[in-house]
């Protein structure tokens, strides 16, 4: 889904030439039907089994978009002119990266390219974020993240995020100051002077007390009243959620009231 940050986060479902703006559909019936075809999102070949998020097996093993350093930036070797595809690495990883703190079902630390802000934060369903550090390339951001992971999670608690459960009284400015003390001296030079907190308001009618994840691996039709959107999840009937990104490459038909 395409996203944009405004007073309310805006969501657009990618449907080829006729993308669908979802926000006006909140409170109305929406039907998603899987047509049985899956294409690898990198090479476009038809596949029967998905690896990762929308990949065929060869791309899962060989494509730079799925290299280990995507999930573990401290393993990035772009600055050494190495990687699955050094040219791709240079373009995507030899550029400014941000280490950030976010509230997303709890306090977490993360890394993203600077040009992916605020998209990355929205995709994780963050309610608040603050920039912690800015580095010239990915490896250094990963190095900082590793130091912080000893003190704060690097995972989104998706169940809590989807129920809008956040620990009380977490002050991102305070947490930022606390975690700066945990950095090694050689990485403190990358601490950002930007102290702004970015807040996000998601189009959700009412947050459910319980959520159940559904998807096209077990059913071909997902339908009901669209009661909200947060992160990359659609809420149906204030109870069921489907992770749209997890179904990248799936051919679906969409209808709505």
C-alpha atoms as a PDB file:
ATOM      1  CA  UNK A   1       0.000   0.000   0.000  1.00  0.00           C
ATOM      2  CA  UNK A   2       1.077   3.552  -0.710  1.00  0.00           C
ATOM      3  CA  UNK A   3       1.013   5.771   2.349  1.00  0.00           C
ATOM      4  CA  UNK A   4       1.220   9.487   3.051  1.00  0.00           C
ATOM      5  CA  UNK A   5       1.413  11.415   6.305  1.00  0.00           C
ATOM      6  CA  UNK A   6      -1.221  14.051   6.993  1.00  0.00           C
ATOM      7  CA  UNK A   7      -3.477  14.798   9.965  1.00  0.00           C
ATOM      8  CA  UNK A   8      -4.678  11.266   9.257  1.00  0.00           C
ATOM      9  CA  UNK A   9      -2.423   8.694   7.578  1.00  0.00           C
ATOM     10  CA  UNK A  10      -3.656   8.084   4.024  1.00  0.00           C
ATOM     11  CA  UNK A  11      -3.636   4.632   2.422  1.00  0.00           C
ATOM     12  CA  UNK A  12      -3.884   3.671  -1.237  1.00  0.00           C
ATOM     13  CA  UNK A  13      -4.072   0.038  -2.335  1.00  0.00           C
ATOM     14  CA  UNK A  14      -1.900  -0.726  -5.355  1.00  0.00           C
ATOM     15  CA  UNK A  15      -4.079  -2.199  -8.090  1.00  0.00           C
ATOM     16  CA  UNK A  16      -2.076  -1.563 -11.230  1.00  0.00           C
ATOM     17  CA  UNK A  17      -3.403   1.368 -13.277  1.00  0.00           C
ATOM     18  CA  UNK A  18      -6.430   1.929 -11.024  1.00  0.00           C
ATOM     19  CA  UNK A  19      -5.165   2.314  -7.472  1.00  0.00           C
ATOM     20  CA  UNK A  20      -7.820   2.460  -4.754  1.00  0.00           C
ATOM     21  CA  UNK A  21      -7.840   5.171  -2.066  1.00  0.00           C
ATOM     22  CA  UNK A  22      -8.903   3.269   1.039  1.00  0.00           C
ATOM     23  CA  UNK A  23      -9.621   5.940   3.644  1.00  0.00           C
ATOM     24  CA  UNK A  24     -13.100   6.804   2.279  1.00  0.00           C
ATOM     25  CA  UNK A  25     -14.029   3.109   2.483  1.00  0.00           C
ATOM     26  CA  UNK A  26     -13.665   2.924   6.260  1.00  0.00           C
ATOM     27  CA  UNK A  27     -17.030   1.783   7.642  1.00  0.00           C
ATOM     28  CA  UNK A  28     -18.078   0.177   4.346  1.00  0.00           C
ATOM     29  CA  UNK A  29     -17.970  -3.402   3.079  1.00  0.00           C
ATOM     30  CA  UNK A  30     -14.786  -4.459   1.290  1.00  0.00           C
ATOM     31  CA  UNK A  31     -14.128  -7.756  -0.475  1.00  0.00           C
ATOM     32  CA  UNK A  32     -10.705  -9.090  -1.472  1.00  0.00           C
ATOM     33  CA  UNK A  33     -10.616 -12.249  -3.595  1.00  0.00           C
ATOM     34  CA  UNK A  34      -7.404 -14.136  -4.370  1.00  0.00           C
ATOM     35  CA  UNK A  35      -7.417 -15.305  -7.989  1.00  0.00           C
ATOM     36  CA  UNK A  36      -4.865 -18.082  -7.488  1.00  0.00           C
ATOM     37  CA  UNK A  37      -1.915 -16.411  -9.209  1.00  0.00           C
ATOM     38  CA  UNK A  38       1.273 -15.262  -7.479  1.00  0.00           C
ATOM     39  CA  UNK A  39       4.141 -13.481  -9.219  1.00  0.00           C
ATOM     40  CA  UNK A  40       7.563 -12.834  -7.738  1.00  0.00           C
ATOM     41  CA  UNK A  41       7.751  -9.116  -6.968  1.00  0.00           C
ATOM     42  CA  UNK A  42      11.342  -8.933  -8.240  1.00  0.00           C
ATOM     43  CA  UNK A  43      11.519 -11.064 -11.415  1.00  0.00           C
ATOM     44  CA  UNK A  44       7.735 -11.396 -12.055  1.00  0.00           C
ATOM     45  CA  UNK A  45       7.822 -15.151 -12.680  1.00  0.00           C
ATOM     46  CA  UNK A  46       4.719 -17.110 -11.676  1.00  0.00           C
ATOM     47  CA  UNK A  47       5.251 -19.091  -8.496  1.00  0.00           C
ATOM     48  CA  UNK A  48       3.322 -21.600  -6.420  1.00  0.00           C
ATOM     49  CA  UNK A  49       5.224 -21.082  -3.180  1.00  0.00           C
ATOM     50  CA  UNK A  50       6.242 -17.735  -1.725  1.00  0.00           C
ATOM     51  CA  UNK A  51       9.525 -17.170   0.060  1.00  0.00           C
ATOM     52  CA  UNK A  52       9.943 -14.128   2.274  1.00  0.00           C
ATOM     53  CA  UNK A  53       7.466 -11.477   1.185  1.00  0.00           C
ATOM     54  CA  UNK A  54       6.501 -12.130  -2.419  1.00  0.00           C
ATOM     55  CA  UNK A  55       9.699 -13.759  -3.683  1.00  0.00           C
ATOM     56  CA  UNK A  56      10.483 -16.835  -5.751  1.00  0.00           C
ATOM     57  CA  UNK A  57      13.195 -19.091  -4.352  1.00  0.00           C
ATOM     58  CA  UNK A  58      16.027 -17.905  -6.668  1.00  0.00           C
ATOM     59  CA  UNK A  59      15.364 -14.251  -5.770  1.00  0.00           C
ATOM     60  CA  UNK A  60      15.031 -15.153  -2.108  1.00  0.00           C
ATOM     61  CA  UNK A  61      18.517 -16.686  -2.228  1.00  0.00           C
ATOM     62  CA  UNK A  62      20.262 -14.327  -4.647  1.00  0.00           C
ATOM     63  CA  UNK A  63      18.523 -10.945  -4.917  1.00  0.00           C
ATOM     64  CA  UNK A  64      20.157  -8.025  -3.081  1.00  0.00           C
ATOM     65  CA  UNK A  65      16.693  -6.868  -1.975  1.00  0.00           C
ATOM     66  CA  UNK A  66      16.637  -9.916   0.318  1.00  0.00           C
ATOM     67  CA  UNK A  67      20.248  -9.906   1.494  1.00  0.00           C
ATOM     68  CA  UNK A  68      20.902 -10.598   5.167  1.00  0.00           C
ATOM     69  CA  UNK A  69      21.810  -6.962   5.748  1.00  0.00           C
ATOM     70  CA  UNK A  70      18.232  -5.897   4.990  1.00  0.00           C
ATOM     71  CA  UNK A  71      17.184  -7.258   8.381  1.00  0.00           C
ATOM     72  CA  UNK A  72      20.608  -6.940   9.986  1.00  0.00           C
ATOM     73  CA  UNK A  73      22.150  -3.678   8.738  1.00  0.00           C
ATOM     74  CA  UNK A  74      25.290  -4.240  10.806  1.00  0.00           C
ATOM     75  CA  UNK A  75      26.203  -6.911   8.226  1.00  0.00           C
ATOM     76  CA  UNK A  76      26.084  -4.477   5.294  1.00  0.00           C
ATOM     77  CA  UNK A  77      29.286  -4.385   3.205  1.00  0.00           C
ATOM     78  CA  UNK A  78      28.335  -1.703   0.702  1.00  0.00           C
ATOM     79  CA  UNK A  79      31.058   0.586   2.072  1.00  0.00           C
ATOM     80  CA  UNK A  80      33.551  -2.180   1.227  1.00  0.00           C
ATOM     81  CA  UNK A  81      32.149  -2.480  -2.312  1.00  0.00           C
ATOM     82  CA  UNK A  82      30.832  -5.952  -1.515  1.00  0.00           C
ATOM     83  CA  UNK A  83      27.450  -7.656  -1.372  1.00  0.00           C
ATOM     84  CA  UNK A  84      25.135  -9.769  -3.511  1.00  0.00           C
ATOM     85  CA  UNK A  85      25.053  -6.956  -6.061  1.00  0.00           C
ATOM     86  CA  UNK A  86      27.649  -4.243  -5.288  1.00  0.00           C
ATOM     87  CA  UNK A  87      26.058  -1.737  -7.678  1.00  0.00           C
ATOM     88  CA  UNK A  88      22.634  -2.167  -6.069  1.00  0.00           C
ATOM     89  CA  UNK A  89      24.280  -1.892  -2.657  1.00  0.00           C
ATOM     90  CA  UNK A  90      26.001   1.358  -3.618  1.00  0.00           C
ATOM     91  CA  UNK A  91      22.758   2.902  -4.821  1.00  0.00           C
ATOM     92  CA  UNK A  92      20.618   1.804  -1.874  1.00  0.00           C
ATOM     93  CA  UNK A  93      22.971   1.507   1.087  1.00  0.00           C
ATOM     94  CA  UNK A  94      25.694   4.078   0.472  1.00  0.00           C
ATOM     95  CA  UNK A  95      23.343   6.886   1.379  1.00  0.00           C
ATOM     96  CA  UNK A  96      22.089   8.560   4.539  1.00  0.00           C
ATOM     97  CA  UNK A  97      20.458   6.212   7.045  1.00  0.00           C
ATOM     98  CA  UNK A  98      18.470   7.019  10.167  1.00  0.00           C
ATOM     99  CA  UNK A  99      18.477   5.221  13.501  1.00  0.00           C
ATOM    100  CA  UNK A 100      15.183   5.981  15.235  1.00  0.00           C
ATOM    101  CA  UNK A 101      13.132   5.223  18.315  1.00  0.00           C
ATOM    102  CA  UNK A 102       9.439   4.473  17.918  1.00  0.00           C
ATOM    103  CA  UNK A 103       6.375   3.593  19.933  1.00  0.00           C
ATOM    104  CA  UNK A 104       4.777   0.687  18.099  1.00  0.00           C
ATOM    105  CA  UNK A 105       3.175  -1.597  20.643  1.00  0.00           C
ATOM    106  CA  UNK A 106       6.113  -0.675  22.868  1.00  0.00           C
ATOM    107  CA  UNK A 107       9.425   1.138  22.576  1.00  0.00           C
ATOM    108  CA  UNK A 108      11.636  -0.069  19.727  1.00  0.00           C
ATOM    109  CA  UNK A 109      14.731   0.918  17.796  1.00  0.00           C
ATOM    110  CA  UNK A 110      15.002   0.704  14.028  1.00  0.00           C
ATOM    111  CA  UNK A 111      17.052   1.631  10.977  1.00  0.00           C
ATOM    112  CA  UNK A 112      15.857   2.987   7.650  1.00  0.00           C
ATOM    113  CA  UNK A 113      17.108   5.002   4.720  1.00  0.00           C
ATOM    114  CA  UNK A 114      16.559   8.710   5.238  1.00  0.00           C
ATOM    115  CA  UNK A 115      14.486   8.885   2.054  1.00  0.00           C
ATOM    116  CA  UNK A 116      12.096   6.271   3.519  1.00  0.00           C
ATOM    117  CA  UNK A 117      10.921   8.603   6.282  1.00  0.00           C
ATOM    118  CA  UNK A 118       8.069   8.696   7.245  1.00  0.00           C
ATOM    119  CA  UNK A 119       6.961   5.720   5.120  1.00  0.00           C
ATOM    120  CA  UNK A 120       8.918   3.212   7.184  1.00  0.00           C
ATOM    121  CA  UNK A 121       7.439   4.538  10.420  1.00  0.00           C
ATOM    122  CA  UNK A 122       3.904   4.308   9.069  1.00  0.00           C
ATOM    123  CA  UNK A 123       4.493   0.772   7.764  1.00  0.00           C
ATOM    124  CA  UNK A 124       5.406  -0.264  11.305  1.00  0.00           C
ATOM    125  CA  UNK A 125       2.273   1.325  12.721  1.00  0.00           C
ATOM    126  CA  UNK A 126       4.241   3.697  14.947  1.00  0.00           C
ATOM    127  CA  UNK A 127       2.258   6.167  17.024  1.00  0.00           C
ATOM    128  CA  UNK A 128       5.302   8.354  17.796  1.00  0.00           C
ATOM    129  CA  UNK A 129       8.892   8.471  16.539  1.00  0.00           C
ATOM    130  CA  UNK A 130      12.073  10.407  17.168  1.00  0.00           C
ATOM    131  CA  UNK A 131      15.330  10.423  15.209  1.00  0.00           C
ATOM    132  CA  UNK A 132      18.264   9.110  17.224  1.00  0.00           C
ATOM    133  CA  UNK A 133      21.191   9.235  14.806  1.00  0.00           C
ATOM    134  CA  UNK A 134      22.012   9.880  11.155  1.00  0.00           C
ATOM    135  CA  UNK A 135      24.850   8.060   9.406  1.00  0.00           C
ATOM    136  CA  UNK A 136      26.334   8.332   5.896  1.00  0.00           C
ATOM    137  CA  UNK A 137      25.755   4.651   5.093  1.00  0.00           C
ATOM    138  CA  UNK A 138      23.882   1.581   6.297  1.00  0.00           C
ATOM    139  CA  UNK A 139      26.620  -0.315   8.148  1.00  0.00           C
ATOM    140  CA  UNK A 140      27.189   2.497  10.636  1.00  0.00           C
ATOM    141  CA  UNK A 141      23.466   2.736  11.379  1.00  0.00           C
ATOM    142  CA  UNK A 142      23.445  -0.995  12.010  1.00  0.00           C
ATOM    143  CA  UNK A 143      26.424  -0.680  14.334  1.00  0.00           C
ATOM    144  CA  UNK A 144      24.527   1.861  16.430  1.00  0.00           C
ATOM    145  CA  UNK A 145      21.364  -0.242  16.399  1.00  0.00           C
ATOM    146  CA  UNK A 146      23.263  -3.265  17.734  1.00  0.00           C
ATOM    147  CA  UNK A 147      24.466  -1.214  20.692  1.00  0.00           C
ATOM    148  CA  UNK A 148      20.918  -0.044  21.433  1.00  0.00           C
ATOM    149  CA  UNK A 149      19.361  -3.506  21.031  1.00  0.00           C
ATOM    150  CA  UNK A 150      21.007  -4.514  24.289  1.00  0.00           C
ATOM    151  CA  UNK A 151      18.673  -2.050  26.015  1.00  0.00           C
ATOM    152  CA  UNK A 152      15.541  -1.818  23.848  1.00  0.00           C
ATOM    153  CA  UNK A 153      13.712  -4.146  21.442  1.00  0.00           C
ATOM    154  CA  UNK A 154      14.184  -3.951  17.673  1.00  0.00           C
ATOM    155  CA  UNK A 155      10.880  -5.744  17.005  1.00  0.00           C
ATOM    156  CA  UNK A 156       7.361  -4.401  16.552  1.00  0.00           C
ATOM    157  CA  UNK A 157       4.855  -6.051  18.865  1.00  0.00           C
ATOM    158  CA  UNK A 158       2.209  -6.272  16.155  1.00  0.00           C
ATOM    159  CA  UNK A 159      -0.553  -7.609  18.412  1.00  0.00           C
ATOM    160  CA  UNK A 160      -0.191  -4.719  20.856  1.00  0.00           C
ATOM    161  CA  UNK A 161       0.235  -2.228  18.024  1.00  0.00           C
ATOM    162  CA  UNK A 162      -2.989  -3.360  16.343  1.00  0.00           C
ATOM    163  CA  UNK A 163      -4.866  -3.062  19.643  1.00  0.00           C
ATOM    164  CA  UNK A 164      -3.271   0.349  20.257  1.00  0.00           C
ATOM    165  CA  UNK A 165      -1.696  -0.775  23.516  1.00  0.00           C
ATOM    166  CA  UNK A 166       1.299   1.353  24.454  1.00  0.00           C
ATOM    167  CA  UNK A 167       3.107   1.398  27.813  1.00  0.00           C
ATOM    168  CA  UNK A 168       2.169   4.431  29.883  1.00  0.00           C
ATOM    169  CA  UNK A 169       4.368   7.489  30.143  1.00  0.00           C
ATOM    170  CA  UNK A 170       7.128   6.629  27.687  1.00  0.00           C
ATOM    171  CA  UNK A 171       8.931   9.871  26.894  1.00  0.00           C
ATOM    172  CA  UNK A 172      10.892   9.485  23.654  1.00  0.00           C
ATOM    173  CA  UNK A 173      13.113  12.476  24.420  1.00  0.00           C
ATOM    174  CA  UNK A 174      14.011  10.960  27.784  1.00  0.00           C
ATOM    175  CA  UNK A 175      14.613   7.513  26.259  1.00  0.00           C
ATOM    176  CA  UNK A 176      16.793   9.066  23.592  1.00  0.00           C
ATOM    177  CA  UNK A 177      18.932  10.797  26.228  1.00  0.00           C
ATOM    178  CA  UNK A 178      19.142   7.606  28.267  1.00  0.00           C
ATOM    179  CA  UNK A 179      20.276   5.508  25.314  1.00  0.00           C
ATOM    180  CA  UNK A 180      22.892   8.002  24.123  1.00  0.00           C
ATOM    181  CA  UNK A 181      24.857   7.042  27.227  1.00  0.00           C
ATOM    182  CA  UNK A 182      25.049   3.451  25.959  1.00  0.00           C
ATOM    183  CA  UNK A 183      26.880   4.332  22.725  1.00  0.00           C
ATOM    184  CA  UNK A 184      30.562   3.758  22.133  1.00  0.00           C
ATOM    185  CA  UNK A 185      32.619   6.931  21.753  1.00  0.00           C
ATOM    186  CA  UNK A 186      33.260   6.352  18.039  1.00  0.00           C
ATOM    187  CA  UNK A 187      29.524   6.379  17.205  1.00  0.00           C
ATOM    188  CA  UNK A 188      28.398   9.377  19.270  1.00  0.00           C
ATOM    189  CA  UNK A 189      29.421  11.719  16.450  1.00  0.00           C
ATOM    190  CA  UNK A 190      26.378  10.511  14.484  1.00  0.00           C
ATOM    191  CA  UNK A 191      23.793  11.494  17.107  1.00  0.00           C
ATOM    192  CA  UNK A 192      21.199  13.726  15.463  1.00  0.00           C
ATOM    193  CA  UNK A 193      20.464  17.225  16.735  1.00  0.00           C
ATOM    194  CA  UNK A 194      16.843  16.799  15.604  1.00  0.00           C
ATOM    195  CA  UNK A 195      14.710  16.405  18.736  1.00  0.00           C
ATOM    196  CA  UNK A 196      11.321  16.594  16.998  1.00  0.00           C
ATOM    197  CA  UNK A 197       8.711  13.949  17.781  1.00  0.00           C
ATOM    198  CA  UNK A 198       6.560  12.842  14.849  1.00  0.00           C
ATOM    199  CA  UNK A 199       3.070  11.590  15.696  1.00  0.00           C
ATOM    200  CA  UNK A 200       0.724   9.497  13.576  1.00  0.00           C
ATOM    201  CA  UNK A 201      -3.050   9.193  13.583  1.00  0.00           C
ATOM    202  CA  UNK A 202      -4.415   6.103  11.820  1.00  0.00           C
ATOM    203  CA  UNK A 203      -7.864   5.676  10.236  1.00  0.00           C
ATOM    204  CA  UNK A 204      -9.315   3.188  12.736  1.00  0.00           C
ATOM    205  CA  UNK A 205     -12.937   3.439  13.898  1.00  0.00           C
ATOM    206  CA  UNK A 206     -12.398   1.575  17.169  1.00  0.00           C
ATOM    207  CA  UNK A 207      -9.425  -0.465  18.277  1.00  0.00           C
ATOM    208  CA  UNK A 208     -10.363  -4.095  19.041  1.00  0.00           C
ATOM    209  CA  UNK A 209      -9.596  -5.869  22.306  1.00  0.00           C
ATOM    210  CA  UNK A 210      -8.564  -8.965  20.352  1.00  0.00           C
ATOM    211  CA  UNK A 211      -7.288  -9.435  16.804  1.00  0.00           C
ATOM    212  CA  UNK A 212      -7.076 -12.555  14.667  1.00  0.00           C
ATOM    213  CA  UNK A 213      -4.767 -12.650  11.651  1.00  0.00           C
ATOM    214  CA  UNK A 214      -6.202 -14.046   8.414  1.00  0.00           C
ATOM    215  CA  UNK A 215      -4.797 -14.396   4.912  1.00  0.00           C
ATOM    216  CA  UNK A 216      -4.977 -16.003   1.498  1.00  0.00           C
ATOM    217  CA  UNK A 217      -2.880 -19.003   2.497  1.00  0.00           C
ATOM    218  CA  UNK A 218      -5.965 -20.471   4.170  1.00  0.00           C
ATOM    219  CA  UNK A 219      -8.856 -18.772   2.373  1.00  0.00           C
ATOM    220  CA  UNK A 220      -9.463 -17.206  -1.027  1.00  0.00           C
ATOM    221  CA  UNK A 221     -11.883 -14.489   0.079  1.00  0.00           C
ATOM    222  CA  UNK A 222     -11.476 -11.879   2.777  1.00  0.00           C
ATOM    223  CA  UNK A 223     -14.507  -9.666   3.233  1.00  0.00           C
ATOM    224  CA  UNK A 224     -16.395  -7.648   5.790  1.00  0.00           C
ATOM    225  CA  UNK A 225     -16.728  -4.093   6.997  1.00  0.00           C
ATOM    226  CA  UNK A 226     -13.404  -2.277   6.747  1.00  0.00           C
ATOM    227  CA  UNK A 227     -13.065  -0.861  10.256  1.00  0.00           C
ATOM    228  CA  UNK A 228      -9.531   0.475  10.108  1.00  0.00           C
ATOM    229  CA  UNK A 229      -6.008   0.516   8.695  1.00  0.00           C
ATOM    230  CA  UNK A 230      -2.733   0.672  10.584  1.00  0.00           C
ATOM    231  CA  UNK A 231       0.775  -0.258   9.549  1.00  0.00           C
ATOM    232  CA  UNK A 232       0.253  -2.583   6.594  1.00  0.00           C
ATOM    233  CA  UNK A 233      -2.831  -4.183   8.123  1.00  0.00           C
ATOM    234  CA  UNK A 234      -6.498  -3.898   7.187  1.00  0.00           C
ATOM    235  CA  UNK A 235      -9.048  -4.430   9.970  1.00  0.00           C
ATOM    236  CA  UNK A 236     -12.283  -6.242   9.126  1.00  0.00           C
ATOM    237  CA  UNK A 237     -15.344  -6.244  11.389  1.00  0.00           C
ATOM    238  CA  UNK A 238     -13.238  -4.815  14.238  1.00  0.00           C
ATOM    239  CA  UNK A 239     -11.765  -8.283  14.806  1.00  0.00           C
ATOM    240  CA  UNK A 240      -9.856  -9.751  11.861  1.00  0.00           C
ATOM    241  CA  UNK A 241      -6.700  -8.323  10.301  1.00  0.00           C
ATOM    242  CA  UNK A 242      -4.841  -9.082   7.084  1.00  0.00           C
ATOM    243  CA  UNK A 243      -1.250  -8.079   6.447  1.00  0.00           C
ATOM    244  CA  UNK A 244      -1.265  -6.672   2.920  1.00  0.00           C
ATOM    245  CA  UNK A 245       2.529  -6.596   2.566  1.00  0.00           C
ATOM    246  CA  UNK A 246       2.703 -10.300   3.440  1.00  0.00           C
ATOM    247  CA  UNK A 247       0.631 -10.917   0.305  1.00  0.00           C
ATOM    248  CA  UNK A 248       2.828  -8.944  -2.088  1.00  0.00           C
ATOM    249  CA  UNK A 249       2.675 -10.515  -5.554  1.00  0.00           C
ATOM    250  CA  UNK A 250      -0.771 -12.054  -5.054  1.00  0.00           C
ATOM    251  CA  UNK A 251      -3.294 -11.329  -7.806  1.00  0.00           C
ATOM    252  CA  UNK A 252      -6.510 -10.199  -6.157  1.00  0.00           C
ATOM    253  CA  UNK A 253      -9.825  -8.703  -7.189  1.00  0.00           C
ATOM    254  CA  UNK A 254     -11.310  -5.928  -5.081  1.00  0.00           C
ATOM    255  CA  UNK A 255     -14.918  -4.829  -4.744  1.00  0.00           C
ATOM    256  CA  UNK A 256     -16.616  -2.494  -2.287  1.00  0.00           C
ATOM    257  CA  UNK A 257     -19.887  -0.745  -1.512  1.00  0.00           C
END
